[in-house]
Amino acid sequence: MVRFSLGYPAASVDWFFQQHTALYIHLMSYFNAFPEDLARYAEVEKHLRARSPFAHRALFHCLLTMQSGGDYEIPPNTSPGFEFIAGPLQGLFKDLPPSLTSILKVLSVLGVRFERQYLHVRTMNWSQYFDVEFSFLEDLTGSTSAEDFARTLTNVDERKFSALAPQHIITDDPIVKQILAQWELLTVHVWECCTALPDTIPYIQECVQALLAMRNYHSFAAIINGLRRYNITDSVFSTSGLLVPNPIVPPNLLYLIVPYQNYAAYRQQFEASPGIPVLIPHIREYQQRGQPILLQMFQKMRAALR
């Protein structure tokens, strides 16, 4: 797909197009033998408009060829085809630095993301443009040390949380939803980097320790979750048939994000040493115990951010 997007020959993409050419030929042979089914396939064409643009194009041109003056209400074919990935990749190569090492690292991570977004899904979304954002990898590889990387993450988090107020949580404000969505995205980005570039794992582990020392529980928990996801996918079966996880998350850190009793271990840690919080446990506690508990959390957080 990268070669094709940049205008180079790509045998696998050519093969993909050939399969749809074959589909067109099979459909034409079928319609010549059973022209009475044209009306039914005109209905099929309507359902294909929001699905694979390649299968739609094959059927679309068959119906145009066979309609012989019939009216099947076929709209002009404006399917984007490979634009959903070619466009983002072309833009990416305009902005990437001229370093082969950097380019290969980015493409390795994006390769994992492509499989997650488009291959390991129940339904292919042909209108979803490929996300080529790689700021996590950029900050990771551009930092001078694990502590420097942790500080970069913490500076971003401090800006986010300094703009947060209790009323945002009480009213379920979009600001809160955005912070939660970005937290989940950070978890996914960690998993992508570990999967594509396993040599970055020790560096990320060091960063986790630094985040805990800085009391940035927000990014700390997200990165631990990302490591844990990779831990599960990288597990192997022993000779006795038991699943043996790869122990890349130290138990003394993992216990802080165990969800038992609404993350009791984390909440005890935050109570004793407040910092940038993990929102989900505090939101649940507020829902169970009311606004005073939420105001206490904000008071502790603001004191820690000064």
Protein backbone atom coordinates (compact mmCIF):
# COMPACT_ATOMS: atom_id res chain seq x y z
CA MET A 1 0.00 0.00 0.00
CA VAL A 2 2.88 2.38 0.72
CA ARG A 3 4.50 1.64 -2.65
CA PHE A 4 1.19 2.05 -4.45
CA SER A 5 0.44 5.33 -2.63
CA LEU A 6 3.81 6.73 -3.71
CA GLY A 7 3.35 5.74 -7.34
CA TYR A 8 5.59 2.67 -7.43
CA PRO A 9 4.65 -0.78 -8.81
CA ALA A 10 2.93 -2.93 -6.19
CA ALA A 11 2.25 -6.56 -7.15
CA SER A 12 -0.20 -7.19 -4.30
CA VAL A 13 -2.29 -4.14 -5.23
CA ASP A 14 -2.26 -5.20 -8.90
CA TRP A 15 -3.46 -8.65 -7.81
CA PHE A 16 -6.24 -7.01 -5.76
CA PHE A 17 -7.44 -5.10 -8.83
CA GLN A 18 -7.27 -8.25 -10.95
CA GLN A 19 -9.66 -10.02 -8.57
CA HIS A 20 -12.25 -7.30 -9.10
CA THR A 21 -11.71 -7.42 -12.85
CA ALA A 22 -12.44 -11.15 -12.59
CA LEU A 23 -15.56 -10.34 -10.55
CA TYR A 24 -16.70 -8.01 -13.34
CA ILE A 25 -16.17 -10.78 -15.94
CA HIS A 26 -18.09 -13.34 -13.84
CA LEU A 27 -20.96 -10.91 -13.31
CA MET A 28 -21.15 -10.11 -17.03
CA SER A 29 -21.25 -13.82 -17.87
CA TYR A 30 -24.00 -14.33 -15.29
CA PHE A 31 -26.11 -11.42 -16.57
CA ASN A 32 -25.79 -12.62 -20.15
CA ALA A 33 -27.12 -16.02 -19.02
CA PHE A 34 -29.77 -14.68 -16.61
CA PRO A 35 -30.80 -11.15 -17.65
CA GLU A 36 -33.97 -11.46 -15.56
CA ASP A 37 -31.80 -11.05 -12.42
CA LEU A 38 -30.66 -7.54 -13.37
CA ALA A 39 -33.37 -5.87 -11.29
CA ARG A 40 -32.33 -7.85 -8.21
CA TYR A 41 -28.69 -6.87 -8.65
CA ALA A 42 -29.73 -3.24 -9.04
CA GLU A 43 -30.94 -3.56 -5.44
CA VAL A 44 -27.63 -5.16 -4.47
CA GLU A 45 -25.84 -2.15 -5.97
CA LYS A 46 -27.70 0.17 -3.58
CA HIS A 47 -26.41 -1.79 -0.57
CA LEU A 48 -22.87 -1.79 -1.98
CA ARG A 49 -22.70 2.01 -2.14
CA ALA A 50 -21.65 2.20 1.51
CA ARG A 51 -19.41 -0.86 1.34
CA SER A 52 -16.39 -1.89 -0.74
CA PRO A 53 -15.93 0.71 -3.50
CA PHE A 54 -14.12 -1.94 -5.57
CA ALA A 55 -16.93 -4.51 -5.51
CA HIS A 56 -19.38 -1.66 -6.10
CA ARG A 57 -17.45 -0.46 -9.13
CA ALA A 58 -17.45 -3.94 -10.69
CA LEU A 59 -21.22 -4.34 -10.29
CA PHE A 60 -21.90 -0.71 -11.20
CA HIS A 61 -20.21 -1.01 -14.61
CA CYS A 62 -21.90 -4.34 -15.28
CA LEU A 63 -25.30 -2.77 -14.75
CA LEU A 64 -24.40 0.20 -16.94
CA THR A 65 -23.32 -2.16 -19.72
CA MET A 66 -26.38 -4.37 -19.42
CA GLN A 67 -29.15 -1.92 -18.72
CA SER A 68 -29.99 -1.40 -22.45
CA GLY A 69 -32.13 1.59 -21.80
CA GLY A 70 -33.51 0.27 -18.50
CA ASP A 71 -33.70 2.65 -15.54
CA TYR A 72 -32.01 1.25 -12.44
CA GLU A 73 -31.49 4.66 -10.74
CA ILE A 74 -27.72 4.18 -10.63
CA PRO A 75 -25.95 7.33 -9.40
CA PRO A 76 -22.58 8.51 -10.77
CA ASN A 77 -19.77 6.40 -9.30
CA THR A 78 -17.84 8.60 -6.85
CA SER A 79 -16.35 5.88 -4.63
CA PRO A 80 -12.97 7.00 -3.24
CA GLY A 81 -11.24 3.63 -3.70
CA PHE A 82 -7.81 3.53 -2.07
CA GLU A 83 -7.95 7.21 -1.18
CA PHE A 84 -8.79 6.27 2.43
CA ILE A 85 -5.20 5.13 2.91
CA ALA A 86 -3.32 6.55 -0.09
CA GLY A 87 -4.18 10.16 0.81
CA PRO A 88 -2.94 9.98 4.43
CA LEU A 89 0.23 8.10 3.40
CA GLN A 90 1.04 10.64 0.70
CA GLY A 91 0.62 13.45 3.21
CA LEU A 92 2.75 11.57 5.72
CA PHE A 93 5.70 11.27 3.35
CA LYS A 94 5.58 14.99 2.66
CA ASP A 95 6.11 15.70 6.35
CA LEU A 96 8.45 12.88 7.45
CA PRO A 97 12.11 13.78 7.96
CA PRO A 98 14.49 12.45 5.29
CA SER A 99 15.76 9.66 7.54
CA LEU A 100 15.30 6.05 6.45
CA THR A 101 15.55 4.84 10.06
CA SER A 102 12.78 7.22 11.20
CA ILE A 103 10.57 6.37 8.23
CA LEU A 104 10.89 2.62 8.83
CA LYS A 105 10.05 3.02 12.53
CA VAL A 106 6.95 5.07 11.72
CA LEU A 107 5.82 2.59 9.05
CA SER A 108 6.35 -0.33 11.44
CA VAL A 109 4.00 1.26 13.97
CA LEU A 110 1.48 2.25 11.29
CA GLY A 111 1.56 -1.31 9.93
CA VAL A 112 0.36 -2.58 13.31
CA ARG A 113 -2.31 0.14 13.37
CA PHE A 114 -3.51 -0.75 9.86
CA GLU A 115 -4.07 -4.36 10.88
CA ARG A 116 -5.92 -3.25 14.02
CA GLN A 117 -8.17 -0.76 12.22
CA TYR A 118 -8.89 -2.58 8.97
CA LEU A 119 -8.03 -6.29 9.20
CA HIS A 120 -8.93 -7.40 12.73
CA VAL A 121 -12.41 -5.90 12.62
CA ARG A 122 -15.82 -7.43 12.09
CA THR A 123 -16.88 -4.90 9.44
CA MET A 124 -14.56 -2.96 7.15
CA ASN A 125 -15.20 0.80 7.27
CA TRP A 126 -14.27 2.07 3.81
CA SER A 127 -15.01 5.69 4.74
CA GLN A 128 -12.63 5.75 7.73
CA TYR A 129 -9.44 7.51 6.70
CA PHE A 130 -6.24 5.92 7.97
CA ASP A 131 -4.90 7.67 11.07
CA VAL A 132 -1.18 8.37 10.54
CA GLU A 133 -0.64 10.42 13.71
CA PHE A 134 2.50 9.22 15.54
CA SER A 135 3.23 11.88 18.17
CA PHE A 136 3.81 9.25 20.88
CA LEU A 137 6.54 7.56 18.84
CA GLU A 138 7.94 10.97 17.87
CA ASP A 139 8.20 12.09 21.51
CA LEU A 140 9.57 8.68 22.53
CA THR A 141 12.38 8.59 19.98
CA GLY A 142 13.07 12.32 20.25
CA SER A 143 13.60 12.34 24.02
CA THR A 144 17.06 12.33 25.59
CA SER A 145 16.12 10.00 28.46
CA ALA A 146 13.15 8.18 29.98
CA GLU A 147 12.83 11.00 32.51
CA ASP A 148 12.80 13.55 29.68
CA PHE A 149 10.03 11.61 27.92
CA ALA A 150 8.03 11.37 31.16
CA ARG A 151 8.41 15.11 31.65
CA THR A 152 7.10 15.75 28.11
CA LEU A 153 4.00 13.65 28.83
CA THR A 154 3.54 15.33 32.21
CA ASN A 155 3.75 18.85 30.77
CA VAL A 156 0.96 17.98 28.34
CA ASP A 157 -1.14 16.43 31.11
CA GLU A 158 -0.63 19.40 33.43
CA ARG A 159 -2.06 21.72 30.76
CA LYS A 160 -5.07 19.43 30.27
CA PHE A 161 -5.89 19.08 33.94
CA SER A 162 -5.24 22.72 34.88
CA ALA A 163 -8.19 23.60 32.62
CA LEU A 164 -10.44 20.97 34.22
CA ALA A 165 -13.06 21.92 36.83
CA PRO A 166 -15.50 19.88 38.96
CA GLN A 167 -18.40 21.23 36.93
CA HIS A 168 -16.98 19.57 33.81
CA ILE A 169 -17.35 16.16 35.44
CA ILE A 170 -20.74 16.93 36.98
CA THR A 171 -22.18 17.98 33.60
CA ASP A 172 -20.35 15.27 31.63
CA ASP A 173 -18.65 18.00 29.60
CA PRO A 174 -16.91 17.18 26.28
CA ILE A 175 -13.62 18.21 27.91
CA VAL A 176 -13.86 15.17 30.19
CA LYS A 177 -14.81 12.88 27.31
CA GLN A 178 -11.83 14.15 25.34
CA ILE A 179 -9.41 13.47 28.22
CA LEU A 180 -10.79 9.94 28.61
CA ALA A 181 -10.58 9.31 24.85
CA GLN A 182 -6.98 10.57 24.72
CA TRP A 183 -6.12 8.34 27.70
CA GLU A 184 -7.42 5.29 25.84
CA LEU A 185 -5.57 6.38 22.70
CA LEU A 186 -2.30 6.62 24.64
CA THR A 187 -2.84 3.04 25.82
CA VAL A 188 -3.30 1.90 22.22
CA HIS A 189 -0.24 3.83 21.01
CA VAL A 190 1.90 2.14 23.67
CA TRP A 191 0.66 -1.26 22.54
CA GLU A 192 1.37 -0.37 18.89
CA CYS A 193 4.94 0.71 19.67
CA CYS A 194 5.65 -2.38 21.77
CA THR A 195 4.28 -4.65 19.04
CA ALA A 196 6.07 -2.94 16.16
CA LEU A 197 9.30 -1.98 17.97
CA PRO A 198 9.93 -4.35 20.91
CA ASP A 199 13.32 -2.73 21.50
CA THR A 200 11.50 0.33 22.87
CA ILE A 201 9.94 -1.66 25.75
CA PRO A 202 12.80 -1.19 28.29
CA TYR A 203 12.74 2.56 27.60
CA ILE A 204 8.96 2.69 28.11
CA GLN A 205 9.35 0.71 31.35
CA GLU A 206 11.84 3.30 32.61
CA CYS A 207 9.38 6.04 31.65
CA VAL A 208 6.69 4.37 33.77
CA GLN A 209 8.93 4.54 36.82
CA ALA A 210 9.64 8.21 36.13
CA LEU A 211 5.92 9.01 35.73
CA LEU A 212 5.18 7.42 39.09
CA ALA A 213 7.93 9.48 40.71
CA MET A 214 6.40 12.61 39.14
CA ARG A 215 2.97 11.50 40.44
CA ASN A 216 1.52 11.62 36.94
CA TYR A 217 -0.95 8.80 37.50
CA HIS A 218 -2.87 9.67 34.33
CA SER A 219 -0.15 8.77 31.83
CA PHE A 220 1.30 6.19 34.21
CA ALA A 221 -1.93 4.15 34.16
CA ALA A 222 -2.38 4.53 30.40
CA ILE A 223 1.14 3.28 29.66
CA ILE A 224 0.85 0.41 32.15
CA ASN A 225 -2.39 -0.60 30.42
CA GLY A 226 -0.63 -0.48 27.05
CA LEU A 227 2.20 -2.66 28.36
CA ARG A 228 -0.33 -5.06 29.83
CA ARG A 229 -2.16 -5.34 26.50
CA TYR A 230 1.11 -6.15 24.79
CA ASN A 231 1.87 -8.55 27.63
CA ILE A 232 -1.28 -10.49 26.78
CA THR A 233 -0.79 -10.54 23.01
CA ASP A 234 2.87 -11.56 23.42
CA SER A 235 2.05 -14.45 25.76
CA VAL A 236 2.98 -18.03 24.83
CA PHE A 237 1.70 -21.47 25.79
CA SER A 238 3.92 -23.66 27.94
CA THR A 239 4.52 -27.35 27.25
CA SER A 240 1.77 -28.13 29.76
CA GLY A 241 -0.71 -26.01 27.80
CA LEU A 242 -0.81 -23.07 30.23
CA LEU A 243 -0.74 -19.49 29.01
CA VAL A 244 2.50 -17.87 30.14
CA PRO A 245 2.48 -14.05 29.89
CA ASN A 246 5.66 -12.16 29.13
CA PRO A 247 6.39 -10.41 32.47
CA ILE A 248 7.12 -6.90 31.22
CA VAL A 249 5.00 -5.11 33.85
CA PRO A 250 6.51 -5.23 37.36
CA PRO A 251 3.94 -6.52 39.89
CA ASN A 252 4.61 -3.60 42.27
CA LEU A 253 3.42 -1.22 39.51
CA LEU A 254 0.65 -3.37 38.10
CA TYR A 255 -1.16 -3.54 41.44
CA LEU A 256 -1.83 0.21 41.26
CA ILE A 257 -4.20 -0.22 38.32
CA VAL A 258 -5.96 -3.37 39.50
CA PRO A 259 -9.68 -2.45 39.26
CA TYR A 260 -10.59 -4.28 42.50
CA GLN A 261 -12.99 -2.15 44.62
CA ASN A 262 -12.87 0.73 42.14
CA TYR A 263 -9.05 0.80 41.95
CA ALA A 264 -8.66 0.86 45.73
CA ALA A 265 -4.85 0.58 45.60
CA TYR A 266 -4.57 3.56 43.25
CA ARG A 267 -6.99 5.69 45.28
CA GLN A 268 -5.00 4.99 48.44
CA GLN A 269 -1.82 6.01 46.59
CA PHE A 270 -3.47 9.23 45.35
CA GLU A 271 -4.76 10.02 48.86
CA ALA A 272 -1.27 9.67 50.34
CA SER A 273 0.61 11.30 47.44
CA PRO A 274 -1.71 13.34 45.17
CA GLY A 275 -0.83 14.28 41.62
CA ILE A 276 -2.38 14.16 38.15
CA PRO A 277 -5.29 11.72 38.62
CA VAL A 278 -6.71 8.81 36.68
CA LEU A 279 -10.22 10.13 36.15
CA ILE A 280 -12.32 6.96 35.89
CA PRO A 281 -11.98 5.83 39.56
CA HIS A 282 -12.68 9.36 40.82
CA ILE A 283 -15.71 9.76 38.56
CA ARG A 284 -17.11 6.46 39.86
CA GLU A 285 -16.44 7.49 43.45
CA TYR A 286 -18.21 10.81 42.85
CA GLN A 287 -21.20 8.97 41.39
CA GLN A 288 -21.35 6.77 44.50
CA ARG A 289 -20.58 9.31 47.22
CA GLY A 290 -21.53 12.70 45.80
CA GLN A 291 -19.89 16.06 45.08
CA PRO A 292 -17.84 16.48 48.29
CA ILE A 293 -15.56 13.60 47.34
CA LEU A 294 -15.07 15.16 43.89
CA LEU A 295 -14.19 18.55 45.36
CA GLN A 296 -11.64 16.90 47.65
CA MET A 297 -9.98 15.23 44.66
CA PHE A 298 -9.73 18.57 42.82
CA GLN A 299 -8.33 20.29 45.90
CA LYS A 300 -5.58 17.70 46.21
CA MET A 301 -4.85 17.76 42.47
CA ARG A 302 -4.55 21.56 42.32
CA ALA A 303 -2.24 21.61 45.32
CA ALA A 304 -0.02 19.06 43.59
CA LEU A 305 0.04 21.02 40.30
CA ARG A 306 1.24 24.26 41.88
